[in-house]
């Protein structure tokens, strides 16, 4: 495997080339904020080799911090590709958190790996602006009794989520930030 720094630099380069768009007029982000910059990490990592590098980078950054986890997951749709990719890169289990519990069948909100007391979980997200999706996933995971040992995003669009996660005792890692792409930060 490549060194952590090289995986991170390569991932930033891929995202900068393939995932960042700038528009003449501001568009609405998932957070409700307006920005002329849009980060589409799903399209940016649609090539298998690019997704592999990004997922290896996430795993390597978390592992180099000495954090161990049993499963990796996050809120659909921003985390779906990363959940499976990081699981493949790390040999861990994956899961996906629905935005709301399924209204039929098992009525689960979390699909994939079974979460319960004693399970250590890495939460991933492709892009974090204010952290709303990340916090929603974390709350659903914590409700199972599992422990969120870290959270990681490909792109942090502002410095809003880090402080909230710090207060909750959850280490937070961003592979890249708004600074890496010359974007203004999203502000609360």
N, C-alpha and C. Protein backbone atom coordinates (compact mmCIF):
# COMPACT_ATOMS: atom_id res chain seq x y z
N UNK A 1 0.84 -1.18 0.00
CA UNK A 1 0.00 0.00 0.00
C UNK A 1 0.88 1.24 0.00
N UNK A 2 0.42 2.29 -0.66
CA UNK A 2 1.15 3.55 -0.71
C UNK A 2 1.17 4.21 0.66
N UNK A 3 2.15 5.08 0.91
CA UNK A 3 2.18 5.82 2.18
C UNK A 3 0.92 6.70 2.32
N UNK A 4 0.53 6.96 3.56
CA UNK A 4 -0.68 7.74 3.85
C UNK A 4 -0.66 9.08 3.11
N UNK A 5 0.46 9.79 3.19
CA UNK A 5 0.56 11.12 2.58
C UNK A 5 0.31 11.06 1.08
N UNK A 6 0.81 10.01 0.43
CA UNK A 6 0.63 9.87 -1.02
C UNK A 6 -0.82 9.53 -1.36
N UNK A 7 -1.44 8.67 -0.56
CA UNK A 7 -2.86 8.35 -0.78
C UNK A 7 -3.73 9.60 -0.64
N UNK A 8 -3.45 10.39 0.39
CA UNK A 8 -4.22 11.62 0.62
C UNK A 8 -4.00 12.61 -0.52
N UNK A 9 -2.76 12.83 -0.91
CA UNK A 9 -2.46 13.77 -1.99
C UNK A 9 -3.10 13.33 -3.31
N UNK A 10 -3.05 12.05 -3.60
CA UNK A 10 -3.66 11.54 -4.83
C UNK A 10 -5.17 11.71 -4.79
N UNK A 11 -5.78 11.44 -3.64
CA UNK A 11 -7.23 11.62 -3.50
C UNK A 11 -7.60 13.08 -3.69
N UNK A 12 -6.87 13.98 -3.08
CA UNK A 12 -7.15 15.42 -3.26
C UNK A 12 -7.05 15.81 -4.73
N UNK A 13 -6.04 15.31 -5.40
CA UNK A 13 -5.85 15.62 -6.82
C UNK A 13 -7.04 15.12 -7.65
N UNK A 14 -7.47 13.89 -7.40
CA UNK A 14 -8.62 13.32 -8.12
C UNK A 14 -9.85 14.17 -7.87
N UNK A 15 -10.11 14.50 -6.62
CA UNK A 15 -11.30 15.29 -6.29
C UNK A 15 -11.22 16.66 -6.95
N UNK A 16 -10.05 17.28 -6.90
CA UNK A 16 -9.88 18.60 -7.51
C UNK A 16 -10.14 18.58 -9.01
N UNK A 17 -9.75 17.51 -9.67
CA UNK A 17 -9.92 17.41 -11.11
C UNK A 17 -11.32 16.97 -11.52
N UNK A 18 -11.96 16.10 -10.73
CA UNK A 18 -13.18 15.46 -11.19
C UNK A 18 -14.43 15.76 -10.37
N UNK A 19 -14.29 16.32 -9.17
CA UNK A 19 -15.46 16.44 -8.30
C UNK A 19 -15.91 17.88 -8.02
N UNK A 20 -15.08 18.86 -8.33
CA UNK A 20 -15.38 20.25 -7.99
C UNK A 20 -15.88 21.00 -9.22
N UNK A 21 -17.04 21.64 -9.07
CA UNK A 21 -17.59 22.47 -10.15
C UNK A 21 -17.84 23.87 -9.59
N UNK A 22 -17.63 24.87 -10.43
CA UNK A 22 -17.94 26.24 -10.05
C UNK A 22 -18.98 26.78 -11.02
N UNK A 23 -20.01 27.39 -10.46
CA UNK A 23 -21.11 27.93 -11.26
C UNK A 23 -21.12 29.46 -11.17
N UNK A 24 -21.74 30.10 -12.16
CA UNK A 24 -21.87 31.55 -12.15
C UNK A 24 -22.78 32.02 -11.02
N UNK A 25 -23.87 31.28 -10.82
CA UNK A 25 -24.84 31.62 -9.77
C UNK A 25 -24.79 30.59 -8.66
N UNK A 26 -25.00 31.01 -7.43
CA UNK A 26 -24.99 30.06 -6.31
C UNK A 26 -26.11 29.03 -6.43
N UNK A 27 -25.81 27.82 -5.96
CA UNK A 27 -26.81 26.75 -5.90
C UNK A 27 -26.96 26.32 -4.45
N UNK A 28 -28.08 25.66 -4.14
CA UNK A 28 -28.34 25.24 -2.78
C UNK A 28 -27.66 23.91 -2.49
N UNK A 29 -26.97 23.85 -1.36
CA UNK A 29 -26.32 22.62 -0.91
C UNK A 29 -27.29 21.84 -0.02
N UNK A 30 -26.96 20.61 0.28
CA UNK A 30 -27.80 19.78 1.14
C UNK A 30 -28.02 20.43 2.50
N UNK A 31 -27.06 21.22 2.94
CA UNK A 31 -27.15 21.90 4.24
C UNK A 31 -28.13 23.07 4.21
N UNK A 32 -28.57 23.45 3.01
CA UNK A 32 -29.42 24.63 2.86
C UNK A 32 -28.61 25.88 2.56
N UNK A 33 -27.29 25.78 2.68
CA UNK A 33 -26.41 26.91 2.38
C UNK A 33 -26.35 27.11 0.86
N UNK A 34 -25.98 28.31 0.45
CA UNK A 34 -25.83 28.62 -0.97
C UNK A 34 -24.33 28.75 -1.28
N UNK A 35 -23.94 28.23 -2.45
CA UNK A 35 -22.54 28.32 -2.85
C UNK A 35 -22.42 28.25 -4.37
N UNK A 36 -21.42 28.91 -4.90
CA UNK A 36 -21.12 28.80 -6.33
C UNK A 36 -20.30 27.53 -6.60
N UNK A 37 -19.79 26.90 -5.55
CA UNK A 37 -18.98 25.69 -5.69
C UNK A 37 -19.80 24.47 -5.29
N UNK A 38 -19.71 23.44 -6.09
CA UNK A 38 -20.40 22.19 -5.79
C UNK A 38 -19.39 21.06 -5.82
N UNK A 39 -19.45 20.19 -4.83
CA UNK A 39 -18.55 19.04 -4.76
C UNK A 39 -19.40 17.79 -4.97
N UNK A 40 -19.16 17.09 -6.08
CA UNK A 40 -19.87 15.85 -6.39
C UNK A 40 -18.86 14.70 -6.31
N UNK A 41 -18.68 14.20 -5.09
CA UNK A 41 -17.68 13.15 -4.87
C UNK A 41 -18.12 11.82 -5.45
N UNK A 42 -19.41 11.63 -5.67
CA UNK A 42 -19.86 10.38 -6.30
C UNK A 42 -19.40 10.34 -7.75
N UNK A 43 -19.64 11.41 -8.49
CA UNK A 43 -19.17 11.49 -9.87
C UNK A 43 -17.65 11.54 -9.92
N UNK A 44 -17.06 12.27 -8.99
CA UNK A 44 -15.61 12.42 -8.96
C UNK A 44 -14.87 11.12 -8.71
N UNK A 45 -15.53 10.19 -8.04
CA UNK A 45 -14.90 8.90 -7.74
C UNK A 45 -15.61 7.75 -8.46
N UNK A 46 -16.24 8.05 -9.59
CA UNK A 46 -16.98 7.01 -10.31
C UNK A 46 -16.07 5.99 -10.99
N UNK A 47 -14.83 6.33 -11.20
CA UNK A 47 -13.87 5.35 -11.74
C UNK A 47 -13.40 4.46 -10.60
N UNK A 48 -13.40 3.17 -10.82
CA UNK A 48 -13.06 2.21 -9.77
C UNK A 48 -11.69 2.49 -9.15
N UNK A 49 -10.70 2.78 -9.96
CA UNK A 49 -9.36 3.03 -9.42
C UNK A 49 -9.32 4.27 -8.54
N UNK A 50 -10.08 5.30 -8.91
CA UNK A 50 -10.12 6.52 -8.10
C UNK A 50 -10.81 6.26 -6.77
N UNK A 51 -11.91 5.52 -6.80
CA UNK A 51 -12.63 5.18 -5.58
C UNK A 51 -11.74 4.33 -4.67
N UNK A 52 -11.01 3.40 -5.25
CA UNK A 52 -10.10 2.55 -4.47
C UNK A 52 -9.07 3.39 -3.72
N UNK A 53 -8.46 4.35 -4.41
CA UNK A 53 -7.45 5.21 -3.78
C UNK A 53 -8.07 6.01 -2.64
N UNK A 54 -9.24 6.59 -2.86
CA UNK A 54 -9.89 7.39 -1.82
C UNK A 54 -10.23 6.55 -0.60
N UNK A 55 -10.72 5.34 -0.82
CA UNK A 55 -11.08 4.46 0.29
C UNK A 55 -9.85 3.96 1.04
N UNK A 56 -8.78 3.69 0.31
CA UNK A 56 -7.52 3.35 0.97
C UNK A 56 -7.01 4.52 1.80
N UNK A 57 -7.18 5.74 1.28
CA UNK A 57 -6.75 6.94 2.02
C UNK A 57 -7.52 7.07 3.32
N UNK A 58 -8.84 6.89 3.27
CA UNK A 58 -9.65 6.99 4.49
C UNK A 58 -9.17 5.96 5.51
N UNK A 59 -9.05 4.72 5.07
CA UNK A 59 -8.61 3.66 6.00
C UNK A 59 -7.23 3.97 6.56
N UNK A 60 -6.30 4.40 5.71
CA UNK A 60 -4.93 4.66 6.14
C UNK A 60 -4.85 5.82 7.13
N UNK A 61 -5.62 6.87 6.90
CA UNK A 61 -5.61 8.02 7.81
C UNK A 61 -6.11 7.61 9.19
N UNK A 62 -7.20 6.87 9.23
CA UNK A 62 -7.77 6.43 10.50
C UNK A 62 -6.84 5.45 11.20
N UNK A 63 -6.31 4.50 10.44
CA UNK A 63 -5.39 3.51 11.01
C UNK A 63 -4.12 4.17 11.54
N UNK A 64 -3.60 5.17 10.81
CA UNK A 64 -2.36 5.83 11.25
C UNK A 64 -2.58 6.62 12.54
N UNK A 65 -3.84 6.95 12.85
CA UNK A 65 -4.16 7.62 14.11
C UNK A 65 -4.33 6.61 15.25
N UNK A 66 -4.16 5.32 14.94
CA UNK A 66 -4.26 4.29 15.96
C UNK A 66 -5.68 3.89 16.30
N UNK A 67 -6.62 4.20 15.42
CA UNK A 67 -8.03 3.90 15.68
C UNK A 67 -8.41 2.58 15.02
N UNK A 68 -8.96 1.69 15.80
CA UNK A 68 -9.43 0.40 15.32
C UNK A 68 -10.96 0.44 15.21
N UNK A 69 -11.50 -0.21 14.19
CA UNK A 69 -12.95 -0.27 14.02
C UNK A 69 -13.34 -1.63 13.46
N UNK A 70 -14.60 -1.99 13.71
CA UNK A 70 -15.13 -3.27 13.26
C UNK A 70 -15.97 -3.14 12.00
N UNK A 71 -16.60 -1.97 11.83
CA UNK A 71 -17.49 -1.75 10.70
C UNK A 71 -17.40 -0.29 10.29
N UNK A 72 -17.73 -0.04 9.03
CA UNK A 72 -17.71 1.32 8.47
C UNK A 72 -19.04 1.58 7.79
N UNK A 73 -19.57 2.78 8.02
CA UNK A 73 -20.85 3.11 7.41
C UNK A 73 -21.14 4.59 7.49
N UNK A 74 -22.30 4.95 6.93
CA UNK A 74 -22.72 6.34 6.94
C UNK A 74 -24.10 6.47 6.33
N UNK A 75 -24.55 7.70 6.25
CA UNK A 75 -25.90 7.99 5.76
C UNK A 75 -25.96 7.86 4.25
N UNK A 76 -27.01 7.18 3.77
CA UNK A 76 -27.23 7.11 2.33
C UNK A 76 -27.57 8.50 1.82
N UNK A 77 -27.16 8.91 0.81
CA UNK A 77 -26.52 8.45 -0.38
C UNK A 77 -25.06 8.92 -0.43
N UNK A 78 -24.74 9.88 0.41
CA UNK A 78 -23.39 10.43 0.37
C UNK A 78 -22.31 9.47 0.78
N UNK A 79 -22.66 8.45 1.56
CA UNK A 79 -21.64 7.55 2.07
C UNK A 79 -21.65 6.17 1.42
N UNK A 80 -22.63 5.86 0.61
CA UNK A 80 -22.79 4.48 0.11
C UNK A 80 -21.53 3.93 -0.54
N UNK A 81 -20.98 4.67 -1.49
CA UNK A 81 -19.79 4.17 -2.19
C UNK A 81 -18.59 4.04 -1.26
N UNK A 82 -18.51 4.92 -0.27
CA UNK A 82 -17.39 4.88 0.66
C UNK A 82 -17.50 3.75 1.67
N UNK A 83 -18.72 3.44 2.11
CA UNK A 83 -18.93 2.35 3.07
C UNK A 83 -18.38 1.04 2.53
N UNK A 84 -18.81 0.70 1.33
CA UNK A 84 -18.38 -0.56 0.73
C UNK A 84 -16.90 -0.50 0.36
N UNK A 85 -16.47 0.62 -0.19
CA UNK A 85 -15.07 0.76 -0.59
C UNK A 85 -14.10 0.67 0.58
N UNK A 86 -14.40 1.35 1.68
CA UNK A 86 -13.51 1.29 2.85
C UNK A 86 -13.56 -0.11 3.47
N UNK A 87 -14.73 -0.74 3.44
CA UNK A 87 -14.81 -2.12 3.94
C UNK A 87 -13.89 -3.04 3.12
N UNK A 88 -13.89 -2.88 1.82
CA UNK A 88 -13.01 -3.69 0.97
C UNK A 88 -11.54 -3.36 1.23
N UNK A 89 -11.24 -2.08 1.44
CA UNK A 89 -9.86 -1.67 1.68
C UNK A 89 -9.34 -2.14 3.03
N UNK A 90 -10.24 -2.28 4.00
CA UNK A 90 -9.83 -2.60 5.37
C UNK A 90 -10.12 -4.03 5.81
N UNK A 91 -10.98 -4.73 5.05
CA UNK A 91 -11.39 -6.06 5.46
C UNK A 91 -12.44 -6.04 6.56
N UNK A 92 -13.08 -4.89 6.76
CA UNK A 92 -14.09 -4.74 7.81
C UNK A 92 -15.49 -4.89 7.21
N UNK A 93 -16.50 -4.89 8.07
CA UNK A 93 -17.88 -4.95 7.61
C UNK A 93 -18.37 -3.55 7.23
N UNK A 94 -19.42 -3.48 6.43
CA UNK A 94 -20.01 -2.20 6.04
C UNK A 94 -21.49 -2.18 6.39
N UNK A 95 -22.02 -0.96 6.49
CA UNK A 95 -23.45 -0.76 6.69
C UNK A 95 -23.83 0.61 6.12
N UNK A 96 -25.11 0.76 5.87
CA UNK A 96 -25.64 2.03 5.37
C UNK A 96 -26.81 2.44 6.27
N UNK A 97 -26.84 3.70 6.64
CA UNK A 97 -27.91 4.25 7.47
C UNK A 97 -28.92 4.92 6.55
N UNK A 98 -30.16 4.47 6.63
CA UNK A 98 -31.24 5.10 5.87
C UNK A 98 -31.58 6.45 6.50
N UNK A 99 -32.17 7.33 5.71
CA UNK A 99 -32.59 8.63 6.24
C UNK A 99 -33.74 8.47 7.23
N UNK A 100 -34.53 7.42 7.05
CA UNK A 100 -35.57 7.07 8.01
C UNK A 100 -35.78 5.57 7.93
N UNK A 101 -36.34 5.00 8.97
CA UNK A 101 -36.55 3.55 9.01
C UNK A 101 -37.45 3.11 7.86
N UNK A 102 -37.16 1.93 7.35
CA UNK A 102 -37.96 1.36 6.28
C UNK A 102 -39.38 1.15 6.80
N UNK A 103 -40.36 1.42 5.97
CA UNK A 103 -41.76 1.35 6.41
C UNK A 103 -42.37 -0.04 6.23
N UNK A 104 -41.58 -1.00 5.75
CA UNK A 104 -42.10 -2.36 5.53
C UNK A 104 -41.02 -3.36 5.93
N UNK A 105 -41.35 -4.61 5.84
CA UNK A 105 -40.37 -5.66 6.14
C UNK A 105 -39.81 -5.54 7.54
N UNK A 106 -38.50 -5.44 7.63
CA UNK A 106 -37.82 -5.40 8.93
C UNK A 106 -37.90 -4.05 9.62
N UNK A 107 -38.31 -3.02 8.91
CA UNK A 107 -38.41 -1.65 9.44
C UNK A 107 -37.08 -1.14 10.00
N UNK A 108 -35.98 -1.62 9.43
CA UNK A 108 -34.65 -1.19 9.88
C UNK A 108 -34.29 0.19 9.34
N UNK A 109 -33.47 0.86 10.10
CA UNK A 109 -32.87 2.10 9.61
C UNK A 109 -31.44 1.84 9.15
N UNK A 110 -30.81 0.81 9.71
CA UNK A 110 -29.43 0.48 9.35
C UNK A 110 -29.42 -0.87 8.65
N UNK A 111 -28.81 -0.89 7.47
CA UNK A 111 -28.72 -2.11 6.64
C UNK A 111 -27.27 -2.52 6.50
N UNK A 112 -27.03 -3.82 6.49
CA UNK A 112 -25.67 -4.34 6.36
C UNK A 112 -25.22 -4.93 7.68
N UNK A 113 -24.02 -4.58 8.11
CA UNK A 113 -23.48 -5.10 9.36
C UNK A 113 -24.43 -4.83 10.52
N UNK A 114 -24.52 -5.78 11.40
CA UNK A 114 -25.35 -5.63 12.60
C UNK A 114 -24.58 -4.83 13.64
N UNK A 115 -25.19 -3.75 14.11
CA UNK A 115 -24.54 -2.90 15.11
C UNK A 115 -25.18 -3.15 16.46
N UNK A 116 -24.32 -3.20 17.48
CA UNK A 116 -24.78 -3.45 18.85
C UNK A 116 -23.68 -3.04 19.81
N UNK A 117 -23.95 -3.15 21.08
CA UNK A 117 -22.97 -2.83 22.11
C UNK A 117 -21.69 -3.63 21.83
N UNK A 118 -20.56 -2.95 21.94
CA UNK A 118 -19.28 -3.61 21.72
C UNK A 118 -18.73 -3.45 20.31
N UNK A 119 -19.57 -3.03 19.36
CA UNK A 119 -19.08 -2.83 17.99
C UNK A 119 -18.49 -1.43 17.86
N UNK A 120 -17.31 -1.35 17.29
CA UNK A 120 -16.63 -0.07 17.05
C UNK A 120 -16.85 0.33 15.60
N UNK A 121 -17.29 1.58 15.41
CA UNK A 121 -17.75 2.00 14.09
C UNK A 121 -17.00 3.25 13.62
N UNK A 122 -16.60 3.22 12.35
CA UNK A 122 -16.09 4.39 11.64
C UNK A 122 -17.23 4.92 10.79
N UNK A 123 -17.54 6.20 10.94
CA UNK A 123 -18.59 6.83 10.14
C UNK A 123 -17.94 7.64 9.03
N UNK A 124 -18.42 7.45 7.80
CA UNK A 124 -17.86 8.16 6.65
C UNK A 124 -18.94 8.99 5.96
N UNK A 125 -18.48 10.02 5.27
CA UNK A 125 -19.36 10.90 4.49
C UNK A 125 -18.52 11.47 3.36
N UNK A 126 -19.13 11.67 2.20
CA UNK A 126 -18.34 12.19 1.09
C UNK A 126 -18.02 13.68 1.25
N UNK A 127 -19.03 14.48 1.57
CA UNK A 127 -18.83 15.92 1.71
C UNK A 127 -19.56 16.39 2.97
N UNK A 128 -18.88 17.15 3.80
CA UNK A 128 -19.49 17.70 5.01
C UNK A 128 -19.49 19.22 4.90
N UNK A 129 -20.68 19.81 4.99
CA UNK A 129 -20.79 21.27 5.05
C UNK A 129 -21.04 21.70 6.49
N UNK A 130 -22.22 21.43 7.00
CA UNK A 130 -22.53 21.75 8.40
C UNK A 130 -22.49 20.51 9.28
N UNK A 131 -22.50 19.32 8.67
CA UNK A 131 -22.42 18.07 9.41
C UNK A 131 -23.75 17.40 9.65
N UNK A 132 -24.83 17.94 9.12
CA UNK A 132 -26.16 17.39 9.37
C UNK A 132 -26.29 15.91 9.05
N UNK A 133 -25.84 15.49 7.89
CA UNK A 133 -25.93 14.07 7.50
C UNK A 133 -25.05 13.21 8.39
N UNK A 134 -23.89 13.70 8.70
CA UNK A 134 -22.96 12.98 9.56
C UNK A 134 -23.57 12.78 10.95
N UNK A 135 -24.15 13.84 11.50
CA UNK A 135 -24.75 13.75 12.84
C UNK A 135 -25.97 12.84 12.86
N UNK A 136 -26.75 12.85 11.78
CA UNK A 136 -27.91 11.96 11.69
C UNK A 136 -27.47 10.51 11.72
N UNK A 137 -26.43 10.18 10.96
CA UNK A 137 -25.91 8.81 10.95
C UNK A 137 -25.37 8.44 12.32
N UNK A 138 -24.62 9.33 12.93
CA UNK A 138 -24.03 9.05 14.25
C UNK A 138 -25.12 8.79 15.28
N UNK A 139 -26.17 9.60 15.28
CA UNK A 139 -27.26 9.41 16.24
C UNK A 139 -27.93 8.06 16.06
N UNK A 140 -28.14 7.64 14.81
CA UNK A 140 -28.75 6.33 14.56
C UNK A 140 -27.84 5.20 15.02
N UNK A 141 -26.55 5.36 14.82
CA UNK A 141 -25.58 4.33 15.22
C UNK A 141 -25.51 4.23 16.74
N UNK A 142 -25.41 5.36 17.40
CA UNK A 142 -25.34 5.39 18.86
C UNK A 142 -26.59 4.74 19.47
N UNK A 143 -27.73 4.92 18.83
CA UNK A 143 -28.98 4.33 19.34
C UNK A 143 -28.93 2.80 19.34
N UNK A 144 -28.04 2.19 18.56
CA UNK A 144 -27.90 0.72 18.55
C UNK A 144 -27.05 0.22 19.70
N UNK A 145 -26.33 1.15 20.34
CA UNK A 145 -25.39 0.76 21.39
C UNK A 145 -23.96 0.66 20.90
N UNK A 146 -23.76 0.72 19.58
CA UNK A 146 -22.40 0.68 19.03
C UNK A 146 -21.67 1.97 19.38
N UNK A 147 -20.34 1.90 19.34
CA UNK A 147 -19.50 3.05 19.66
C UNK A 147 -18.92 3.66 18.39
N UNK A 148 -19.15 4.94 18.18
CA UNK A 148 -18.54 5.64 17.05
C UNK A 148 -17.13 6.04 17.48
N UNK A 149 -16.13 5.40 16.86
CA UNK A 149 -14.74 5.64 17.26
C UNK A 149 -14.07 6.73 16.45
N UNK A 150 -14.66 7.09 15.29
CA UNK A 150 -14.12 8.16 14.45
C UNK A 150 -15.11 8.47 13.34
N UNK A 151 -14.93 9.66 12.77
CA UNK A 151 -15.69 10.07 11.59
C UNK A 151 -14.69 10.61 10.58
N UNK A 152 -14.97 10.37 9.30
CA UNK A 152 -14.06 10.83 8.25
C UNK A 152 -14.86 11.28 7.04
N UNK A 153 -14.43 12.36 6.43
CA UNK A 153 -15.04 12.85 5.20
C UNK A 153 -13.97 13.04 4.13
N UNK A 154 -14.40 13.00 2.89
CA UNK A 154 -13.47 13.30 1.80
C UNK A 154 -13.20 14.80 1.73
N UNK A 155 -14.28 15.61 1.86
CA UNK A 155 -14.15 17.05 1.74
C UNK A 155 -14.93 17.73 2.86
N UNK A 156 -14.25 18.56 3.64
CA UNK A 156 -14.91 19.38 4.66
C UNK A 156 -15.03 20.79 4.09
N UNK A 157 -16.27 21.25 3.93
CA UNK A 157 -16.54 22.55 3.30
C UNK A 157 -16.49 23.71 4.27
N UNK A 158 -16.26 23.45 5.54
CA UNK A 158 -16.17 24.49 6.56
C UNK A 158 -15.62 23.84 7.81
N UNK A 159 -15.53 24.58 8.86
CA UNK A 159 -14.99 24.02 10.09
C UNK A 159 -16.09 23.84 11.13
N UNK A 160 -17.30 23.55 10.68
CA UNK A 160 -18.44 23.50 11.58
C UNK A 160 -18.59 22.16 12.29
N UNK A 161 -18.39 21.06 11.59
CA UNK A 161 -18.63 19.73 12.16
C UNK A 161 -17.57 19.34 13.19
N UNK A 162 -16.36 19.76 12.96
CA UNK A 162 -15.25 19.33 13.82
C UNK A 162 -15.48 19.68 15.29
N UNK A 163 -15.96 20.88 15.56
CA UNK A 163 -16.17 21.32 16.94
C UNK A 163 -17.27 20.49 17.62
N UNK A 164 -18.34 20.21 16.90
CA UNK A 164 -19.44 19.41 17.46
C UNK A 164 -18.95 18.00 17.77
N UNK A 165 -18.19 17.41 16.84
CA UNK A 165 -17.68 16.06 17.06
C UNK A 165 -16.67 16.03 18.21
N UNK A 166 -15.88 17.06 18.32
CA UNK A 166 -14.91 17.14 19.43
C UNK A 166 -15.65 17.12 20.77
N UNK A 167 -16.74 17.89 20.86
CA UNK A 167 -17.53 17.91 22.10
C UNK A 167 -18.14 16.55 22.40
N UNK A 168 -18.41 15.76 21.36
CA UNK A 168 -18.98 14.43 21.54
C UNK A 168 -17.90 13.37 21.75
N UNK A 169 -16.63 13.79 21.70
CA UNK A 169 -15.53 12.86 21.92
C UNK A 169 -15.24 11.96 20.73
N UNK A 170 -15.58 12.42 19.53
CA UNK A 170 -15.39 11.62 18.32
C UNK A 170 -14.27 12.25 17.49
N UNK A 171 -13.16 11.54 17.30
CA UNK A 171 -12.09 12.05 16.44
C UNK A 171 -12.62 12.23 15.01
N UNK A 172 -12.20 13.32 14.37
CA UNK A 172 -12.70 13.67 13.03
C UNK A 172 -11.53 13.88 12.09
N UNK A 173 -11.65 13.30 10.92
CA UNK A 173 -10.60 13.40 9.91
C UNK A 173 -11.22 13.87 8.59
N UNK A 174 -10.55 14.80 7.94
CA UNK A 174 -10.97 15.25 6.61
C UNK A 174 -9.80 15.01 5.67
N UNK A 175 -10.06 14.28 4.61
CA UNK A 175 -9.03 14.02 3.61
C UNK A 175 -8.63 15.32 2.92
N UNK A 176 -9.61 16.22 2.75
CA UNK A 176 -9.34 17.53 2.17
C UNK A 176 -10.33 18.53 2.74
N UNK A 177 -10.06 19.81 2.50
CA UNK A 177 -10.96 20.85 2.96
C UNK A 177 -11.17 21.89 1.86
N UNK A 178 -12.03 22.82 2.15
CA UNK A 178 -12.31 23.91 1.21
C UNK A 178 -11.03 24.63 0.82
N UNK A 179 -10.07 24.71 1.73
CA UNK A 179 -8.81 25.39 1.46
C UNK A 179 -8.02 24.74 0.33
N UNK A 180 -8.11 23.41 0.24
CA UNK A 180 -7.36 22.68 -0.79
C UNK A 180 -7.86 23.00 -2.20
N UNK A 181 -9.10 23.49 -2.30
CA UNK A 181 -9.70 23.73 -3.61
C UNK A 181 -10.02 25.19 -3.88
N UNK A 182 -9.53 26.08 -3.01
CA UNK A 182 -9.74 27.50 -3.21
C UNK A 182 -11.19 27.94 -3.09
N UNK A 183 -11.98 27.21 -2.29
CA UNK A 183 -13.38 27.55 -2.11
C UNK A 183 -13.53 28.34 -0.81
N UNK A 184 -14.52 29.23 -0.77
CA UNK A 184 -14.80 29.85 0.54
C UNK A 184 -15.47 28.82 1.44
N UNK A 185 -15.30 28.95 2.75
CA UNK A 185 -15.92 27.99 3.65
C UNK A 185 -17.43 28.19 3.74
N UNK A 186 -18.12 27.10 4.01
CA UNK A 186 -19.54 27.19 4.34
C UNK A 186 -19.60 27.63 5.79
N UNK A 187 -20.40 28.63 6.06
CA UNK A 187 -20.51 29.15 7.42
C UNK A 187 -21.89 28.87 7.99
N UNK A 188 -21.96 28.71 9.31
CA UNK A 188 -23.22 28.38 9.98
C UNK A 188 -24.05 29.56 10.11
